[in-house]
C-alpha atoms as a PDB file:
ATOM      1  CA  MET A   1      40.196 102.104  45.368  1.00  0.00           C
ATOM      2  CA  LYS A   2      43.244 104.068  44.230  1.00  0.00           C
ATOM      3  CA  SER A   3      43.234 104.812  40.514  1.00  0.00           C
ATOM      4  CA  HIS A   4      46.181 105.195  38.160  1.00  0.00           C
ATOM      5  CA  PHE A   5      44.029 106.380  35.217  1.00  0.00           C
ATOM      6  CA  PHE A   6      45.043 110.052  35.194  1.00  0.00           C
ATOM      7  CA  ALA A   7      48.683 109.250  35.960  1.00  0.00           C
ATOM      8  CA  TYR A   8      48.659 107.099  32.823  1.00  0.00           C
ATOM      9  CA  ILE A   9      46.864 109.804  30.805  1.00  0.00           C
ATOM     10  CA  SER A  10      49.560 112.314  31.815  1.00  0.00           C
ATOM     11  CA  ARG A  11      52.158 110.021  30.226  1.00  0.00           C
ATOM     12  CA  MET A  12      50.812 110.764  26.757  1.00  0.00           C
ATOM     13  CA  ARG A  13      53.468 113.475  26.621  1.00  0.00           C
ATOM     14  CA  PHE A  14      56.215 110.817  26.538  1.00  0.00           C
ATOM     15  CA  ILE A  15      54.960 109.100  23.377  1.00  0.00           C
ATOM     16  CA  GLN A  16      56.524 110.637  20.293  1.00  0.00           C
ATOM     17  CA  ARG A  17      54.722 110.764  16.951  1.00  0.00           C
ATOM     18  CA  TRP A  18      56.138 110.516  13.435  1.00  0.00           C
ATOM     19  CA  ALA A  19      58.831 108.094  14.603  1.00  0.00           C
ATOM     20  CA  LEU A  20      59.871 107.051  11.092  1.00  0.00           C
ATOM     21  CA  MET A  21      60.251 110.619   9.827  1.00  0.00           C
ATOM     22  CA  ARG A  22      62.976 113.204  10.389  1.00  0.00           C
ATOM     23  CA  ASN A  23      61.245 116.067  12.218  1.00  0.00           C
ATOM     24  CA  THR A  24      62.239 119.696  12.610  1.00  0.00           C
ATOM     25  CA  ALA A  25      59.874 119.865  15.599  1.00  0.00           C
ATOM     26  CA  GLN A  26      59.054 116.827  17.707  1.00  0.00           C
ATOM     27  CA  GLU A  27      55.399 116.162  18.488  1.00  0.00           C
ATOM     28  CA  ASN A  28      54.065 113.996  21.293  1.00  0.00           C
ATOM     29  CA  VAL A  29      50.653 112.369  21.678  1.00  0.00           C
ATOM     30  CA  GLN A  30      49.507 114.835  24.340  1.00  0.00           C
ATOM     31  CA  GLU A  31      50.248 117.846  22.108  1.00  0.00           C
ATOM     32  CA  HIS A  32      48.623 116.089  19.173  1.00  0.00           C
ATOM     33  CA  SER A  33      45.519 115.213  21.198  1.00  0.00           C
ATOM     34  CA  HIS A  34      45.086 118.829  22.257  1.00  0.00           C
ATOM     35  CA  GLN A  35      45.338 119.998  18.646  1.00  0.00           C
ATOM     36  CA  VAL A  36      42.897 117.314  17.472  1.00  0.00           C
ATOM     37  CA  ALA A  37      40.444 118.393  20.191  1.00  0.00           C
ATOM     38  CA  VAL A  38      40.678 122.040  19.081  1.00  0.00           C
ATOM     39  CA  LEU A  39      40.231 121.054  15.433  1.00  0.00           C
ATOM     40  CA  ALA A  40      37.405 118.582  16.128  1.00  0.00           C
ATOM     41  CA  HIS A  41      35.586 121.217  18.157  1.00  0.00           C
ATOM     42  CA  ALA A  42      36.026 123.691  15.283  1.00  0.00           C
ATOM     43  CA  LEU A  43      34.721 121.177  12.731  1.00  0.00           C
ATOM     44  CA  ALA A  44      31.654 120.506  14.901  1.00  0.00           C
ATOM     45  CA  VAL A  45      31.026 124.254  15.322  1.00  0.00           C
ATOM     46  CA  ILE A  46      31.422 124.810  11.572  1.00  0.00           C
ATOM     47  CA  ARG A  47      29.014 121.944  10.906  1.00  0.00           C
ATOM     48  CA  SER A  48      26.434 123.448  13.277  1.00  0.00           C
ATOM     49  CA  GLU A  49      26.823 127.102  12.326  1.00  0.00           C
ATOM     50  CA  LYS A  50      27.434 126.820   8.592  1.00  0.00           C
ATOM     51  CA  PHE A  51      25.892 123.517   7.491  1.00  0.00           C
ATOM     52  CA  GLY A  52      22.959 122.951   9.869  1.00  0.00           C
ATOM     53  CA  GLY A  53      24.448 120.052  11.831  1.00  0.00           C
ATOM     54  CA  THR A  54      23.446 119.096  15.354  1.00  0.00           C
ATOM     55  CA  VAL A  55      26.469 117.276  16.766  1.00  0.00           C
ATOM     56  CA  ASP A  56      27.592 118.526  20.204  1.00  0.00           C
ATOM     57  CA  PRO A  57      30.976 120.308  19.814  1.00  0.00           C
ATOM     58  CA  GLY A  58      31.834 119.583  23.469  1.00  0.00           C
ATOM     59  CA  GLN A  59      31.254 115.862  23.046  1.00  0.00           C
ATOM     60  CA  VAL A  60      33.394 115.869  19.905  1.00  0.00           C
ATOM     61  CA  ALA A  61      36.204 117.800  21.624  1.00  0.00           C
ATOM     62  CA  VAL A  62      36.290 115.448  24.628  1.00  0.00           C
ATOM     63  CA  ALA A  63      36.318 112.368  22.387  1.00  0.00           C
ATOM     64  CA  ALA A  64      39.228 113.932  20.492  1.00  0.00           C
ATOM     65  CA  LEU A  65      41.175 114.620  23.704  1.00  0.00           C
ATOM     66  CA  TYR A  66      41.121 110.891  24.446  1.00  0.00           C
ATOM     67  CA  HIS A  67      41.233 109.550  20.870  1.00  0.00           C
ATOM     68  CA  ASP A  68      44.812 108.264  21.207  1.00  0.00           C
ATOM     69  CA  ALA A  69      44.713 107.414  24.924  1.00  0.00           C
ATOM     70  CA  SER A  70      45.228 103.721  24.169  1.00  0.00           C
ATOM     71  CA  GLU A  71      48.689 104.609  22.830  1.00  0.00           C
ATOM     72  CA  ILE A  72      49.818 105.045  26.432  1.00  0.00           C
ATOM     73  CA  LEU A  73      49.764 101.250  26.571  1.00  0.00           C
ATOM     74  CA  THR A  74      50.389 100.387  22.907  1.00  0.00           C
ATOM     75  CA  GLY A  75      52.736 103.133  21.731  1.00  0.00           C
ATOM     76  CA  ASP A  76      52.221 104.976  18.459  1.00  0.00           C
ATOM     77  CA  MET A  77      52.323 102.780  15.381  1.00  0.00           C
ATOM     78  CA  PRO A  78      53.362 104.678  12.243  1.00  0.00           C
ATOM     79  CA  THR A  79      50.546 105.110   9.720  1.00  0.00           C
ATOM     80  CA  PRO A  80      52.347 103.400   6.809  1.00  0.00           C
ATOM     81  CA  ILE A  81      52.643 100.249   8.902  1.00  0.00           C
ATOM     82  CA  LYS A  82      49.247 100.437  10.634  1.00  0.00           C
ATOM     83  CA  TYR A  83      47.265 100.783   7.394  1.00  0.00           C
ATOM     84  CA  ASP A  84      49.462  98.832   4.969  1.00  0.00           C
ATOM     85  CA  ASN A  85      47.817  95.476   5.515  1.00  0.00           C
ATOM     86  CA  PRO A  86      44.206  94.641   6.522  1.00  0.00           C
ATOM     87  CA  ALA A  87      45.379  91.946   8.952  1.00  0.00           C
ATOM     88  CA  ILE A  88      47.747  94.373  10.700  1.00  0.00           C
ATOM     89  CA  ARG A  89      45.020  97.041  10.801  1.00  0.00           C
ATOM     90  CA  LYS A  90      42.521  94.619  12.376  1.00  0.00           C
ATOM     91  CA  ALA A  91      45.068  93.281  14.860  1.00  0.00           C
ATOM     92  CA  TYR A  92      46.024  96.820  15.883  1.00  0.00           C
ATOM     93  CA  LYS A  93      42.335  97.781  16.314  1.00  0.00           C
ATOM     94  CA  ASP A  94      41.954  94.727  18.578  1.00  0.00           C
ATOM     95  CA  VAL A  95      45.025  95.761  20.597  1.00  0.00           C
ATOM     96  CA  GLU A  96      43.638  99.320  20.899  1.00  0.00           C
ATOM     97  CA  ALA A  97      40.310  97.936  22.162  1.00  0.00           C
ATOM     98  CA  VAL A  98      42.088  95.886  24.829  1.00  0.00           C
ATOM     99  CA  ALA A  99      44.129  98.937  25.866  1.00  0.00           C
ATOM    100  CA  GLU A 100      40.975 101.087  26.066  1.00  0.00           C
ATOM    101  CA  GLY A 101      39.403  98.406  28.276  1.00  0.00           C
ATOM    102  CA  LYS A 102      42.460  98.368  30.533  1.00  0.00           C
ATOM    103  CA  LEU A 103      42.352 102.154  30.875  1.00  0.00           C
ATOM    104  CA  LEU A 104      38.636 102.077  31.691  1.00  0.00           C
ATOM    105  CA  ALA A 105      39.254  99.360  34.295  1.00  0.00           C
ATOM    106  CA  MET A 106      41.718 101.701  36.052  1.00  0.00           C
ATOM    107  CA  LEU A 107      38.877 104.083  36.888  1.00  0.00           C
ATOM    108  CA  PRO A 108      36.569 103.661  39.872  1.00  0.00           C
ATOM    109  CA  GLU A 109      33.482 101.785  38.716  1.00  0.00           C
ATOM    110  CA  GLU A 110      31.194 104.758  39.369  1.00  0.00           C
ATOM    111  CA  LEU A 111      33.037 106.674  36.599  1.00  0.00           C
ATOM    112  CA  HIS A 112      32.843 103.928  33.959  1.00  0.00           C
ATOM    113  CA  GLY A 113      29.518 105.150  32.591  1.00  0.00           C
ATOM    114  CA  VAL A 114      30.990 108.571  31.843  1.00  0.00           C
ATOM    115  CA  TYR A 115      34.397 107.487  30.514  1.00  0.00           C
ATOM    116  CA  ALA A 116      33.429 104.395  28.471  1.00  0.00           C
ATOM    117  CA  PRO A 117      31.801 106.443  25.664  1.00  0.00           C
ATOM    118  CA  ILE A 118      34.684 108.923  25.793  1.00  0.00           C
ATOM    119  CA  LEU A 119      37.382 106.265  25.418  1.00  0.00           C
ATOM    120  CA  THR A 120      35.325 104.313  22.877  1.00  0.00           C
ATOM    121  CA  PRO A 121      32.820 106.638  21.181  1.00  0.00           C
ATOM    122  CA  THR A 122      29.889 105.005  19.415  1.00  0.00           C
ATOM    123  CA  ASP A 123      28.219 108.000  17.754  1.00  0.00           C
ATOM    124  CA  PRO A 124      29.254 107.730  14.089  1.00  0.00           C
ATOM    125  CA  GLU A 125      29.229 111.506  13.579  1.00  0.00           C
ATOM    126  CA  VAL A 126      31.499 112.085  16.580  1.00  0.00           C
ATOM    127  CA  ILE A 127      33.842 109.366  15.304  1.00  0.00           C
ATOM    128  CA  ARG A 128      33.838 110.841  11.798  1.00  0.00           C
ATOM    129  CA  LEU A 129      34.640 114.362  12.991  1.00  0.00           C
ATOM    130  CA  VAL A 130      37.420 113.141  15.308  1.00  0.00           C
ATOM    131  CA  LYS A 131      38.955 111.124  12.456  1.00  0.00           C
ATOM    132  CA  ALA A 132      38.765 114.150  10.167  1.00  0.00           C
ATOM    133  CA  ALA A 133      40.367 116.354  12.846  1.00  0.00           C
ATOM    134  CA  ASP A 134      43.081 113.729  13.390  1.00  0.00           C
ATOM    135  CA  LYS A 135      43.854 113.757   9.650  1.00  0.00           C
ATOM    136  CA  LEU A 136      43.726 117.560   9.617  1.00  0.00           C
ATOM    137  CA  SER A 137      46.250 117.642  12.468  1.00  0.00           C
ATOM    138  CA  ALA A 138      48.542 115.374  10.449  1.00  0.00           C
ATOM    139  CA  TYR A 139      48.184 117.662   7.438  1.00  0.00           C
ATOM    140  CA  ILE A 140      49.029 120.717   9.541  1.00  0.00           C
ATOM    141  CA  LYS A 141      52.154 118.922  10.805  1.00  0.00           C
ATOM    142  CA  CYS A 142      53.172 118.183   7.198  1.00  0.00           C
ATOM    143  CA  VAL A 143      52.623 121.796   6.127  1.00  0.00           C
ATOM    144  CA  GLU A 144      54.600 123.111   9.081  1.00  0.00           C
ATOM    145  CA  GLU A 145      57.482 120.702   8.380  1.00  0.00           C
ATOM    146  CA  LEU A 146      57.514 121.727   4.712  1.00  0.00           C
ATOM    147  CA  LYS A 147      57.499 125.385   5.772  1.00  0.00           C
ATOM    148  CA  ALA A 148      60.626 124.616   7.814  1.00  0.00           C
ATOM    149  CA  GLY A 149      62.288 123.191   4.701  1.00  0.00           C
ATOM    150  CA  ASN A 150      61.841 119.528   5.608  1.00  0.00           C
ATOM    151  CA  ASN A 151      61.004 117.792   2.330  1.00  0.00           C
ATOM    152  CA  GLU A 152      60.716 114.491   4.200  1.00  0.00           C
ATOM    153  CA  PHE A 153      57.032 115.426   4.620  1.00  0.00           C
ATOM    154  CA  ARG A 154      56.280 116.247   0.950  1.00  0.00           C
ATOM    155  CA  GLU A 155      54.668 112.913   0.043  1.00  0.00           C
ATOM    156  CA  ALA A 156      52.881 112.648   3.399  1.00  0.00           C
ATOM    157  CA  ALA A 157      51.407 116.122   2.824  1.00  0.00           C
ATOM    158  CA  ALA A 158      50.079 115.164  -0.612  1.00  0.00           C
ATOM    159  CA  GLN A 159      48.612 111.867   0.612  1.00  0.00           C
ATOM    160  CA  THR A 160      47.072 113.475   3.692  1.00  0.00           C
ATOM    161  CA  ARG A 161      45.492 116.307   1.688  1.00  0.00           C
ATOM    162  CA  LYS A 162      44.024 113.745  -0.707  1.00  0.00           C
ATOM    163  CA  ALA A 163      42.634 111.750   2.233  1.00  0.00           C
ATOM    164  CA  LEU A 164      41.083 114.899   3.719  1.00  0.00           C
ATOM    165  CA  GLU A 165      39.373 115.727   0.426  1.00  0.00           C
ATOM    166  CA  ALA A 166      38.109 112.130   0.175  1.00  0.00           C
ATOM    167  CA  TYR A 167      36.153 112.581   3.420  1.00  0.00           C
ATOM    168  CA  GLU A 168      33.759 114.817   1.451  1.00  0.00           C
ATOM    169  CA  LEU A 169      32.785 116.638   4.639  1.00  0.00           C
ATOM    170  CA  PRO A 170      31.732 120.230   3.954  1.00  0.00           C
ATOM    171  CA  GLU A 171      33.171 121.414   7.273  1.00  0.00           C
ATOM    172  CA  VAL A 172      36.581 120.007   6.321  1.00  0.00           C
ATOM    173  CA  GLY A 173      36.421 121.769   2.959  1.00  0.00           C
ATOM    174  CA  TYR A 174      35.428 124.986   4.717  1.00  0.00           C
ATOM    175  CA  PHE A 175      38.337 124.656   7.167  1.00  0.00           C
ATOM    176  CA  LEU A 176      40.825 123.979   4.363  1.00  0.00           C
ATOM    177  CA  GLU A 177      39.555 126.951   2.360  1.00  0.00           C
ATOM    178  CA  THR A 178      39.223 129.386   5.275  1.00  0.00           C
ATOM    179  CA  PHE A 179      42.026 128.514   7.696  1.00  0.00           C
ATOM    180  CA  MET A 180      44.608 126.194   6.162  1.00  0.00           C
ATOM    181  CA  ASP A 181      46.742 128.680   4.231  1.00  0.00           C
ATOM    182  CA  SER A 182      47.650 130.464   7.469  1.00  0.00           C
ATOM    183  CA  PHE A 183      49.633 127.444   8.668  1.00  0.00           C
ATOM    184  CA  ALA A 184      52.177 127.988   5.876  1.00  0.00           C
ATOM    185  CA  LEU A 185      52.829 131.600   6.937  1.00  0.00           C
ATOM    186  CA  THR A 186      55.547 132.924   9.215  1.00  0.00           C
ATOM    187  CA  LEU A 187      54.632 134.781  12.397  1.00  0.00           C
ATOM    188  CA  ASP A 188      55.330 138.120  10.717  1.00  0.00           C
ATOM    189  CA  GLU A 189      53.081 137.167   7.804  1.00  0.00           C
ATOM    190  CA  LEU A 190      50.197 136.378  10.180  1.00  0.00           C
ATOM    191  CA  LYS A 191      49.904 140.071  11.127  1.00  0.00           C
END
């Protein structure tokens, strides 16, 4: 059987994010997924090293790499639309589940057991950390856009920061306190 799975995955780079917002720097789903994986891994490491957690950072990072894979088939729906209405949210979750199933079906059957829990994680702690990293990535984007003088992201930054704080995850608080301010600095200021 020939498989198109990885050819589809490589197309994540063609799906643009933040479609309803004026951007100073475009971001695609592949770039975003890499950043979410780095952040999710960091959150899992912080949880383990600082707060006594036991979640596997590698498992969290891999789940994050694929967390938006379904968007290859569905496209990226802007957050204000996706979460505005419970019926739309449920319908979109159903569409994402179908897309994840289609992606899994593209793989040879002998790989399904490995990729099914990656495309559709079931561990609640992995899911929670990936969601937090996804929100953290959005907040970083907002901060970077504001740093570039793009006030289009002012309200999104405030809402996203509030959502991050509402997670009440100590590793998120630690990340915000320890690392977040650096994202507002210029390259010269990072020295």
